[in-house]
């Protein structure tokens, strides 16, 4: 018997696309998959659609109060069944047929007693599922990168039971994303594997949470709203501080030193200088790296 994989899908008012997504999960070539869906308080016909799949025993359906997408995913993880591997899943994308098979082929070669996380590239599609472009990564995953960027987008992520158990033991109060928290934690204490193949058709539409894949002007406006108006840098700092409080004793000396530089409440010129002129890159894209250094300069992080 193949090792068991639990797919964790959080839904909220997803009546338009969720059936197409679930159908792509059912078609996976990997033979031992169970699909767990938590509805986060939908007010449209999402639950009616989900109950049809539940009646055919194709999914296990959980329902709860509206927690927001981050809280809903952590709730799913906390009450998920015993499995060998777990996969996050959004409600409005489409998975390629061998997505799970590709992930398990990589993860099964690693030590099962240590945390491990797999992620891949993905393709952008418009709301009518017309291909737009491929999102690929060139930088090697690192703890440094994970402090200020979630390279491992949740829709592509598969991780082992060891990482699941560590996350579930201490569900964070201040997280910028369920996927970001898992990526940060596994870079600190485990192994992160990037697969340079596209395993998800990432649907972009007006209701999408992320600003990725849209025009440059719209993307910059989305960034201004997210990072400045919504005080996102403050949320990143809260995530860093909580991470330090939970896992400082499990970090290497170098990683702990780096973490303390950005978790410290000390706002000295010396610390600003260290951040602005830190000798290694944090972000994958050069333009994002330059913007981050200005953030350091103005004391936002």
C-alpha atoms as a PDB file:
ATOM      1  CA  UNK A   1       0.000   0.000   0.000  1.00  0.00           C
ATOM      2  CA  UNK A   2       1.284   3.432  -0.965  1.00  0.00           C
ATOM      3  CA  UNK A   3       1.806   5.924   1.844  1.00  0.00           C
ATOM      4  CA  UNK A   4      -1.245   8.007   2.701  1.00  0.00           C
ATOM      5  CA  UNK A   5      -1.618  11.627   1.557  1.00  0.00           C
ATOM      6  CA  UNK A   6      -4.166  14.008   3.106  1.00  0.00           C
ATOM      7  CA  UNK A   7      -5.171  16.939   0.896  1.00  0.00           C
ATOM      8  CA  UNK A   8      -6.334  19.896   3.005  1.00  0.00           C
ATOM      9  CA  UNK A   9      -8.679  22.267   1.156  1.00  0.00           C
ATOM     10  CA  UNK A  10     -10.220  25.376   2.721  1.00  0.00           C
ATOM     11  CA  UNK A  11     -13.310  26.761   0.979  1.00  0.00           C
ATOM     12  CA  UNK A  12     -15.162  30.047   1.226  1.00  0.00           C
ATOM     13  CA  UNK A  13     -17.823  31.197  -1.261  1.00  0.00           C
ATOM     14  CA  UNK A  14     -16.111  29.192  -3.981  1.00  0.00           C
ATOM     15  CA  UNK A  15     -19.148  27.924  -5.906  1.00  0.00           C
ATOM     16  CA  UNK A  16     -17.801  29.115  -9.262  1.00  0.00           C
ATOM     17  CA  UNK A  17     -14.623  27.036  -9.438  1.00  0.00           C
ATOM     18  CA  UNK A  18     -14.463  24.532  -6.577  1.00  0.00           C
ATOM     19  CA  UNK A  19     -15.948  21.576  -8.476  1.00  0.00           C
ATOM     20  CA  UNK A  20     -13.252  21.858 -11.151  1.00  0.00           C
ATOM     21  CA  UNK A  21     -10.572  21.885  -8.470  1.00  0.00           C
ATOM     22  CA  UNK A  22     -11.969  18.872  -6.602  1.00  0.00           C
ATOM     23  CA  UNK A  23     -12.289  16.938  -9.869  1.00  0.00           C
ATOM     24  CA  UNK A  24      -8.573  17.521 -10.485  1.00  0.00           C
ATOM     25  CA  UNK A  25      -7.817  16.116  -7.010  1.00  0.00           C
ATOM     26  CA  UNK A  26      -9.903  13.017  -7.649  1.00  0.00           C
ATOM     27  CA  UNK A  27      -8.009  12.427 -10.918  1.00  0.00           C
ATOM     28  CA  UNK A  28      -4.596  12.324  -9.236  1.00  0.00           C
ATOM     29  CA  UNK A  29      -2.427   9.421 -10.403  1.00  0.00           C
ATOM     30  CA  UNK A  30      -1.203   8.765  -6.861  1.00  0.00           C
ATOM     31  CA  UNK A  31      -3.456   5.991  -5.482  1.00  0.00           C
ATOM     32  CA  UNK A  32      -3.729   6.643  -1.721  1.00  0.00           C
ATOM     33  CA  UNK A  33      -5.260  10.107  -1.311  1.00  0.00           C
ATOM     34  CA  UNK A  34      -7.976  11.428   1.003  1.00  0.00           C
ATOM     35  CA  UNK A  35      -9.490  14.879   0.535  1.00  0.00           C
ATOM     36  CA  UNK A  36     -10.487  16.915   3.595  1.00  0.00           C
ATOM     37  CA  UNK A  37     -12.416  20.124   3.045  1.00  0.00           C
ATOM     38  CA  UNK A  38     -13.144  22.709   5.709  1.00  0.00           C
ATOM     39  CA  UNK A  39     -15.744  25.278   4.732  1.00  0.00           C
ATOM     40  CA  UNK A  40     -15.014  28.625   6.361  1.00  0.00           C
ATOM     41  CA  UNK A  41     -18.621  29.814   6.667  1.00  0.00           C
ATOM     42  CA  UNK A  42     -19.681  30.106   3.012  1.00  0.00           C
ATOM     43  CA  UNK A  43     -22.917  31.967   2.245  1.00  0.00           C
ATOM     44  CA  UNK A  44     -23.266  30.904  -1.417  1.00  0.00           C
ATOM     45  CA  UNK A  45     -23.860  27.426  -2.880  1.00  0.00           C
ATOM     46  CA  UNK A  46     -20.413  26.086  -1.985  1.00  0.00           C
ATOM     47  CA  UNK A  47     -21.764  23.768   0.719  1.00  0.00           C
ATOM     48  CA  UNK A  48     -24.357  22.272  -1.644  1.00  0.00           C
ATOM     49  CA  UNK A  49     -21.574  21.419  -4.090  1.00  0.00           C
ATOM     50  CA  UNK A  50     -19.388  19.959  -1.353  1.00  0.00           C
ATOM     51  CA  UNK A  51     -22.201  17.816   0.037  1.00  0.00           C
ATOM     52  CA  UNK A  52     -22.606  16.149  -3.366  1.00  0.00           C
ATOM     53  CA  UNK A  53     -18.970  15.048  -3.254  1.00  0.00           C
ATOM     54  CA  UNK A  54     -19.372  14.021   0.376  1.00  0.00           C
ATOM     55  CA  UNK A  55     -22.415  11.877  -0.473  1.00  0.00           C
ATOM     56  CA  UNK A  56     -20.241   9.958  -2.951  1.00  0.00           C
ATOM     57  CA  UNK A  57     -17.582   9.546  -0.229  1.00  0.00           C
ATOM     58  CA  UNK A  58     -15.088  11.459  -2.386  1.00  0.00           C
ATOM     59  CA  UNK A  59     -14.329  14.016   0.330  1.00  0.00           C
ATOM     60  CA  UNK A  60     -14.620  14.440   4.083  1.00  0.00           C
ATOM     61  CA  UNK A  61     -16.415  17.698   4.868  1.00  0.00           C
ATOM     62  CA  UNK A  62     -15.851  19.838   7.946  1.00  0.00           C
ATOM     63  CA  UNK A  63     -17.707  23.063   8.673  1.00  0.00           C
ATOM     64  CA  UNK A  64     -16.916  25.939  11.004  1.00  0.00           C
ATOM     65  CA  UNK A  65     -17.102  29.628  11.733  1.00  0.00           C
ATOM     66  CA  UNK A  66     -15.327  32.100   9.486  1.00  0.00           C
ATOM     67  CA  UNK A  67     -11.691  32.268  10.589  1.00  0.00           C
ATOM     68  CA  UNK A  68     -10.155  33.708   7.434  1.00  0.00           C
ATOM     69  CA  UNK A  69      -8.080  31.613   5.053  1.00  0.00           C
ATOM     70  CA  UNK A  70      -4.986  31.402   7.280  1.00  0.00           C
ATOM     71  CA  UNK A  71      -6.935  30.380  10.366  1.00  0.00           C
ATOM     72  CA  UNK A  72      -9.023  27.937   8.374  1.00  0.00           C
ATOM     73  CA  UNK A  73      -5.972  26.138   7.001  1.00  0.00           C
ATOM     74  CA  UNK A  74      -4.392  25.876  10.447  1.00  0.00           C
ATOM     75  CA  UNK A  75      -7.680  24.519  11.798  1.00  0.00           C
ATOM     76  CA  UNK A  76      -7.654  21.898   9.040  1.00  0.00           C
ATOM     77  CA  UNK A  77      -4.085  20.963   9.892  1.00  0.00           C
ATOM     78  CA  UNK A  78      -4.812  20.777  13.616  1.00  0.00           C
ATOM     79  CA  UNK A  79      -7.713  18.366  13.183  1.00  0.00           C
ATOM     80  CA  UNK A  80      -6.432  16.505  10.135  1.00  0.00           C
ATOM     81  CA  UNK A  81      -6.236  12.711  10.281  1.00  0.00           C
ATOM     82  CA  UNK A  82      -3.115  10.660  10.624  1.00  0.00           C
ATOM     83  CA  UNK A  83      -1.297  10.546   7.283  1.00  0.00           C
ATOM     84  CA  UNK A  84       2.241  10.218   5.965  1.00  0.00           C
ATOM     85  CA  UNK A  85       2.087  13.422   3.904  1.00  0.00           C
ATOM     86  CA  UNK A  86      -0.100  16.518   3.699  1.00  0.00           C
ATOM     87  CA  UNK A  87      -0.869  19.002   0.919  1.00  0.00           C
ATOM     88  CA  UNK A  88      -2.426  22.467   1.075  1.00  0.00           C
ATOM     89  CA  UNK A  89      -5.069  23.145  -1.565  1.00  0.00           C
ATOM     90  CA  UNK A  90      -6.925  26.308  -2.632  1.00  0.00           C
ATOM     91  CA  UNK A  91     -10.477  26.176  -3.971  1.00  0.00           C
ATOM     92  CA  UNK A  92     -10.122  27.756  -7.393  1.00  0.00           C
ATOM     93  CA  UNK A  93      -7.090  26.244  -9.127  1.00  0.00           C
ATOM     94  CA  UNK A  94      -6.532  23.019 -11.091  1.00  0.00           C
ATOM     95  CA  UNK A  95      -3.866  20.459 -10.270  1.00  0.00           C
ATOM     96  CA  UNK A  96      -1.961  18.539 -12.933  1.00  0.00           C
ATOM     97  CA  UNK A  97      -2.764  14.830 -12.746  1.00  0.00           C
ATOM     98  CA  UNK A  98       0.593  13.699 -11.314  1.00  0.00           C
ATOM     99  CA  UNK A  99       1.174  16.557  -8.858  1.00  0.00           C
ATOM    100  CA  UNK A 100       1.079  14.364  -5.732  1.00  0.00           C
ATOM    101  CA  UNK A 101       3.029  11.574  -7.413  1.00  0.00           C
ATOM    102  CA  UNK A 102       5.861  13.991  -8.287  1.00  0.00           C
ATOM    103  CA  UNK A 103       5.957  15.319  -4.718  1.00  0.00           C
ATOM    104  CA  UNK A 104       6.008  11.912  -3.056  1.00  0.00           C
ATOM    105  CA  UNK A 105       8.745  10.707  -5.406  1.00  0.00           C
ATOM    106  CA  UNK A 106      10.938  13.482  -3.985  1.00  0.00           C
ATOM    107  CA  UNK A 107       9.851  13.371  -0.344  1.00  0.00           C
ATOM    108  CA  UNK A 108       9.992   9.582   0.000  1.00  0.00           C
ATOM    109  CA  UNK A 109      13.774   9.655  -0.459  1.00  0.00           C
ATOM    110  CA  UNK A 110      14.235  11.843   2.642  1.00  0.00           C
ATOM    111  CA  UNK A 111      14.431  10.967   6.330  1.00  0.00           C
ATOM    112  CA  UNK A 112      10.854  10.578   7.596  1.00  0.00           C
ATOM    113  CA  UNK A 113      11.897  11.430  11.161  1.00  0.00           C
ATOM    114  CA  UNK A 114      12.943  14.953  10.100  1.00  0.00           C
ATOM    115  CA  UNK A 115      10.812  17.775   8.708  1.00  0.00           C
ATOM    116  CA  UNK A 116      10.592  17.954   4.926  1.00  0.00           C
ATOM    117  CA  UNK A 117       8.653  20.205   2.550  1.00  0.00           C
ATOM    118  CA  UNK A 118       8.277  20.022  -1.220  1.00  0.00           C
ATOM    119  CA  UNK A 119       7.190  22.838  -3.528  1.00  0.00           C
ATOM    120  CA  UNK A 120       7.168  23.359  -7.263  1.00  0.00           C
ATOM    121  CA  UNK A 121       6.766  25.952  -9.976  1.00  0.00           C
ATOM    122  CA  UNK A 122       3.278  26.751 -11.245  1.00  0.00           C
ATOM    123  CA  UNK A 123       1.510  28.242 -14.265  1.00  0.00           C
ATOM    124  CA  UNK A 124      -0.659  31.351 -14.309  1.00  0.00           C
ATOM    125  CA  UNK A 125      -4.059  31.037 -15.995  1.00  0.00           C
ATOM    126  CA  UNK A 126      -6.824  33.594 -16.383  1.00  0.00           C
ATOM    127  CA  UNK A 127     -10.335  33.057 -15.002  1.00  0.00           C
ATOM    128  CA  UNK A 128     -11.283  31.056 -18.131  1.00  0.00           C
ATOM    129  CA  UNK A 129      -8.196  28.837 -17.741  1.00  0.00           C
ATOM    130  CA  UNK A 130      -6.223  30.275 -20.623  1.00  0.00           C
ATOM    131  CA  UNK A 131      -2.479  29.931 -20.055  1.00  0.00           C
ATOM    132  CA  UNK A 132      -0.632  33.178 -19.252  1.00  0.00           C
ATOM    133  CA  UNK A 133       2.902  32.379 -18.087  1.00  0.00           C
ATOM    134  CA  UNK A 134       5.006  30.124 -15.852  1.00  0.00           C
ATOM    135  CA  UNK A 135       6.271  31.139 -12.432  1.00  0.00           C
ATOM    136  CA  UNK A 136       9.651  29.533 -11.807  1.00  0.00           C
ATOM    137  CA  UNK A 137      12.322  29.946  -9.146  1.00  0.00           C
ATOM    138  CA  UNK A 138      16.086  30.109  -9.541  1.00  0.00           C
ATOM    139  CA  UNK A 139      17.317  30.676  -5.990  1.00  0.00           C
ATOM    140  CA  UNK A 140      17.941  27.858  -3.526  1.00  0.00           C
ATOM    141  CA  UNK A 141      15.490  27.921  -0.576  1.00  0.00           C
ATOM    142  CA  UNK A 142      17.076  29.235   2.611  1.00  0.00           C
ATOM    143  CA  UNK A 143      16.180  30.399   6.096  1.00  0.00           C
ATOM    144  CA  UNK A 144      17.331  33.891   5.162  1.00  0.00           C
ATOM    145  CA  UNK A 145      14.943  34.001   2.201  1.00  0.00           C
ATOM    146  CA  UNK A 146      12.044  32.654   4.252  1.00  0.00           C
ATOM    147  CA  UNK A 147      12.187  35.561   6.714  1.00  0.00           C
ATOM    148  CA  UNK A 148      10.868  38.017   4.108  1.00  0.00           C
ATOM    149  CA  UNK A 149       9.466  35.922   1.288  1.00  0.00           C
ATOM    150  CA  UNK A 150       7.329  32.816   0.916  1.00  0.00           C
ATOM    151  CA  UNK A 151       8.820  31.218  -2.158  1.00  0.00           C
ATOM    152  CA  UNK A 152       6.887  28.013  -1.507  1.00  0.00           C
ATOM    153  CA  UNK A 153       3.365  28.980  -2.575  1.00  0.00           C
ATOM    154  CA  UNK A 154       0.863  26.902  -0.625  1.00  0.00           C
ATOM    155  CA  UNK A 155      -0.928  25.535  -3.695  1.00  0.00           C
ATOM    156  CA  UNK A 156       2.244  23.656  -4.687  1.00  0.00           C
ATOM    157  CA  UNK A 157       3.329  22.513  -1.210  1.00  0.00           C
ATOM    158  CA  UNK A 158       3.397  18.929   0.095  1.00  0.00           C
ATOM    159  CA  UNK A 159       5.029  18.119   3.455  1.00  0.00           C
ATOM    160  CA  UNK A 160       5.626  15.152   5.714  1.00  0.00           C
ATOM    161  CA  UNK A 161       4.017  14.138   9.003  1.00  0.00           C
ATOM    162  CA  UNK A 162       7.005  15.268  11.036  1.00  0.00           C
ATOM    163  CA  UNK A 163       6.560  18.881   9.904  1.00  0.00           C
ATOM    164  CA  UNK A 164       2.780  18.661  10.311  1.00  0.00           C
ATOM    165  CA  UNK A 165       3.118  17.532  13.930  1.00  0.00           C
ATOM    166  CA  UNK A 166       5.557  20.326  14.808  1.00  0.00           C
ATOM    167  CA  UNK A 167       3.281  22.994  13.300  1.00  0.00           C
ATOM    168  CA  UNK A 168       0.150  21.564  14.937  1.00  0.00           C
ATOM    169  CA  UNK A 169       1.845  21.562  18.344  1.00  0.00           C
ATOM    170  CA  UNK A 170       2.239  25.364  18.250  1.00  0.00           C
ATOM    171  CA  UNK A 171      -0.300  27.000  15.936  1.00  0.00           C
ATOM    172  CA  UNK A 172       0.941  30.607  15.611  1.00  0.00           C
ATOM    173  CA  UNK A 173      -1.104  33.637  16.603  1.00  0.00           C
ATOM    174  CA  UNK A 174       0.797  35.914  14.214  1.00  0.00           C
ATOM    175  CA  UNK A 175       1.339  34.335  10.822  1.00  0.00           C
ATOM    176  CA  UNK A 176       1.469  35.973   7.405  1.00  0.00           C
ATOM    177  CA  UNK A 177       0.313  32.716   5.845  1.00  0.00           C
ATOM    178  CA  UNK A 178      -0.080  29.029   6.618  1.00  0.00           C
ATOM    179  CA  UNK A 179       2.301  28.281   3.745  1.00  0.00           C
ATOM    180  CA  UNK A 180       4.805  30.949   4.797  1.00  0.00           C
ATOM    181  CA  UNK A 181       4.913  29.601   8.366  1.00  0.00           C
ATOM    182  CA  UNK A 182       5.548  26.054   7.126  1.00  0.00           C
ATOM    183  CA  UNK A 183       8.238  27.281   4.717  1.00  0.00           C
ATOM    184  CA  UNK A 184       9.960  29.336   7.415  1.00  0.00           C
ATOM    185  CA  UNK A 185       9.884  26.495   9.932  1.00  0.00           C
ATOM    186  CA  UNK A 186      11.135  23.836   7.547  1.00  0.00           C
ATOM    187  CA  UNK A 187      13.978  26.033   6.295  1.00  0.00           C
ATOM    188  CA  UNK A 188      15.012  26.446   9.926  1.00  0.00           C
ATOM    189  CA  UNK A 189      14.871  22.845  11.138  1.00  0.00           C
ATOM    190  CA  UNK A 190      14.343  20.578   8.124  1.00  0.00           C
ATOM    191  CA  UNK A 191      14.784  20.121   4.394  1.00  0.00           C
ATOM    192  CA  UNK A 192      13.030  22.131   1.672  1.00  0.00           C
ATOM    193  CA  UNK A 193      12.950  20.668  -1.829  1.00  0.00           C
ATOM    194  CA  UNK A 194      12.155  22.726  -4.923  1.00  0.00           C
ATOM    195  CA  UNK A 195      10.960  20.876  -8.027  1.00  0.00           C
ATOM    196  CA  UNK A 196      11.406  22.978 -11.214  1.00  0.00           C
ATOM    197  CA  UNK A 197       8.231  21.699 -12.857  1.00  0.00           C
ATOM    198  CA  UNK A 198       4.755  23.239 -12.897  1.00  0.00           C
ATOM    199  CA  UNK A 199       2.243  21.187 -10.936  1.00  0.00           C
ATOM    200  CA  UNK A 200      -0.649  23.648 -10.586  1.00  0.00           C
ATOM    201  CA  UNK A 201      -2.722  25.773 -12.923  1.00  0.00           C
ATOM    202  CA  UNK A 202      -3.038  28.885 -10.773  1.00  0.00           C
ATOM    203  CA  UNK A 203      -6.244  30.665 -11.656  1.00  0.00           C
ATOM    204  CA  UNK A 204      -6.111  34.465 -11.455  1.00  0.00           C
ATOM    205  CA  UNK A 205      -9.412  36.303 -11.139  1.00  0.00           C
ATOM    206  CA  UNK A 206     -10.883  39.388  -9.495  1.00  0.00           C
ATOM    207  CA  UNK A 207     -11.511  37.587  -6.190  1.00  0.00           C
ATOM    208  CA  UNK A 208      -8.050  36.036  -5.906  1.00  0.00           C
ATOM    209  CA  UNK A 209      -6.221  36.749  -2.634  1.00  0.00           C
ATOM    210  CA  UNK A 210      -2.775  37.199  -4.188  1.00  0.00           C
ATOM    211  CA  UNK A 211      -1.730  40.081  -6.444  1.00  0.00           C
ATOM    212  CA  UNK A 212       0.588  37.868  -8.495  1.00  0.00           C
ATOM    213  CA  UNK A 213       0.208  37.609 -12.227  1.00  0.00           C
ATOM    214  CA  UNK A 214      -1.643  40.899 -12.815  1.00  0.00           C
ATOM    215  CA  UNK A 215      -0.451  43.952 -14.774  1.00  0.00           C
ATOM    216  CA  UNK A 216       2.494  45.952 -13.431  1.00  0.00           C
ATOM    217  CA  UNK A 217       0.403  49.023 -12.524  1.00  0.00           C
ATOM    218  CA  UNK A 218      -2.262  46.965 -10.763  1.00  0.00           C
ATOM    219  CA  UNK A 219       0.450  44.931  -9.056  1.00  0.00           C
ATOM    220  CA  UNK A 220       2.148  48.068  -7.684  1.00  0.00           C
ATOM    221  CA  UNK A 221      -1.185  49.443  -6.433  1.00  0.00           C
ATOM    222  CA  UNK A 222      -1.877  46.083  -4.793  1.00  0.00           C
ATOM    223  CA  UNK A 223       1.544  46.219  -3.133  1.00  0.00           C
ATOM    224  CA  UNK A 224       1.036  49.744  -1.829  1.00  0.00           C
ATOM    225  CA  UNK A 225      -2.284  48.730  -0.302  1.00  0.00           C
ATOM    226  CA  UNK A 226      -0.916  45.510   1.157  1.00  0.00           C
ATOM    227  CA  UNK A 227       2.434  46.698   2.483  1.00  0.00           C
ATOM    228  CA  UNK A 228       1.780  50.326   3.375  1.00  0.00           C
ATOM    229  CA  UNK A 229      -1.952  50.843   3.974  1.00  0.00           C
ATOM    230  CA  UNK A 230      -2.475  47.461   5.679  1.00  0.00           C
ATOM    231  CA  UNK A 231       0.813  47.721   7.630  1.00  0.00           C
ATOM    232  CA  UNK A 232       2.023  44.358   6.357  1.00  0.00           C
ATOM    233  CA  UNK A 233       5.580  44.924   7.525  1.00  0.00           C
ATOM    234  CA  UNK A 234       4.301  45.044  11.084  1.00  0.00           C
ATOM    235  CA  UNK A 235       2.717  41.625  10.535  1.00  0.00           C
ATOM    236  CA  UNK A 236       5.991  40.223   9.190  1.00  0.00           C
ATOM    237  CA  UNK A 237       7.803  41.486  12.278  1.00  0.00           C
ATOM    238  CA  UNK A 238       5.192  39.898  14.549  1.00  0.00           C
ATOM    239  CA  UNK A 239       5.680  36.608  12.702  1.00  0.00           C
ATOM    240  CA  UNK A 240       9.452  36.807  13.141  1.00  0.00           C
ATOM    241  CA  UNK A 241       9.151  37.575  16.858  1.00  0.00           C
ATOM    242  CA  UNK A 242       6.718  34.730  17.493  1.00  0.00           C
ATOM    243  CA  UNK A 243       8.884  32.340  15.520  1.00  0.00           C
ATOM    244  CA  UNK A 244      11.868  33.276  17.667  1.00  0.00           C
ATOM    245  CA  UNK A 245       9.909  32.746  20.894  1.00  0.00           C
ATOM    246  CA  UNK A 246       8.843  29.255  19.789  1.00  0.00           C
ATOM    247  CA  UNK A 247      11.920  27.876  18.044  1.00  0.00           C
ATOM    248  CA  UNK A 248      15.025  29.850  19.068  1.00  0.00           C
ATOM    249  CA  UNK A 249      16.471  26.807  20.829  1.00  0.00           C
ATOM    250  CA  UNK A 250      16.273  24.730  17.616  1.00  0.00           C
ATOM    251  CA  UNK A 251      18.117  27.122  15.303  1.00  0.00           C
ATOM    252  CA  UNK A 252      21.730  27.092  14.239  1.00  0.00           C
ATOM    253  CA  UNK A 253      23.925  29.859  15.656  1.00  0.00           C
ATOM    254  CA  UNK A 254      24.014  31.697  12.330  1.00  0.00           C
ATOM    255  CA  UNK A 255      20.248  31.528  11.812  1.00  0.00           C
ATOM    256  CA  UNK A 256      19.571  32.625  15.391  1.00  0.00           C
ATOM    257  CA  UNK A 257      21.910  35.580  15.014  1.00  0.00           C
ATOM    258  CA  UNK A 258      20.114  36.638  11.828  1.00  0.00           C
ATOM    259  CA  UNK A 259      16.701  36.184  13.429  1.00  0.00           C
ATOM    260  CA  UNK A 260      17.640  38.323  16.441  1.00  0.00           C
ATOM    261  CA  UNK A 261      18.764  41.132  14.145  1.00  0.00           C
ATOM    262  CA  UNK A 262      15.200  41.474  12.859  1.00  0.00           C
ATOM    263  CA  UNK A 263      13.274  40.529  15.996  1.00  0.00           C
ATOM    264  CA  UNK A 264      15.042  43.010  18.236  1.00  0.00           C
ATOM    265  CA  UNK A 265      13.125  46.089  19.400  1.00  0.00           C
ATOM    266  CA  UNK A 266      16.394  48.011  19.462  1.00  0.00           C
ATOM    267  CA  UNK A 267      16.229  50.750  16.784  1.00  0.00           C
ATOM    268  CA  UNK A 268      19.866  51.823  16.663  1.00  0.00           C
ATOM    269  CA  UNK A 269      21.744  53.248  13.692  1.00  0.00           C
ATOM    270  CA  UNK A 270      24.092  50.280  13.957  1.00  0.00           C
ATOM    271  CA  UNK A 271      21.230  47.800  13.500  1.00  0.00           C
ATOM    272  CA  UNK A 272      19.829  49.763  10.553  1.00  0.00           C
ATOM    273  CA  UNK A 273      23.272  49.710   8.935  1.00  0.00           C
ATOM    274  CA  UNK A 274      23.556  45.937   9.451  1.00  0.00           C
ATOM    275  CA  UNK A 275      20.172  45.353   7.822  1.00  0.00           C
ATOM    276  CA  UNK A 276      20.611  47.702   4.873  1.00  0.00           C
ATOM    277  CA  UNK A 277      24.085  46.395   4.042  1.00  0.00           C
ATOM    278  CA  UNK A 278      23.545  42.752   4.887  1.00  0.00           C
ATOM    279  CA  UNK A 279      25.945  40.922   2.507  1.00  0.00           C
ATOM    280  CA  UNK A 280      23.518  38.278   1.180  1.00  0.00           C
ATOM    281  CA  UNK A 281      20.229  38.464  -0.732  1.00  0.00           C
ATOM    282  CA  UNK A 282      16.844  37.951   0.934  1.00  0.00           C
ATOM    283  CA  UNK A 283      14.497  38.141  -2.067  1.00  0.00           C
ATOM    284  CA  UNK A 284      14.641  36.303  -5.379  1.00  0.00           C
ATOM    285  CA  UNK A 285      14.030  39.271  -7.676  1.00  0.00           C
ATOM    286  CA  UNK A 286      16.513  42.176  -7.691  1.00  0.00           C
ATOM    287  CA  UNK A 287      13.763  44.831  -7.682  1.00  0.00           C
ATOM    288  CA  UNK A 288      12.179  43.206  -4.611  1.00  0.00           C
ATOM    289  CA  UNK A 289      15.561  43.117  -2.891  1.00  0.00           C
ATOM    290  CA  UNK A 290      16.104  46.833  -3.512  1.00  0.00           C
ATOM    291  CA  UNK A 291      12.643  47.650  -2.147  1.00  0.00           C
ATOM    292  CA  UNK A 292      13.317  45.561   0.950  1.00  0.00           C
ATOM    293  CA  UNK A 293      16.565  47.416   1.653  1.00  0.00           C
ATOM    294  CA  UNK A 294      14.634  50.708   1.550  1.00  0.00           C
ATOM    295  CA  UNK A 295      12.188  49.199   4.017  1.00  0.00           C
ATOM    296  CA  UNK A 296      15.121  48.466   6.317  1.00  0.00           C
ATOM    297  CA  UNK A 297      16.485  51.988   5.803  1.00  0.00           C
ATOM    298  CA  UNK A 298      13.222  53.625   6.860  1.00  0.00           C
ATOM    299  CA  UNK A 299      12.888  51.406   9.901  1.00  0.00           C
ATOM    300  CA  UNK A 300       9.729  49.567   8.777  1.00  0.00           C
ATOM    301  CA  UNK A 301      11.369  46.225   9.545  1.00  0.00           C
END
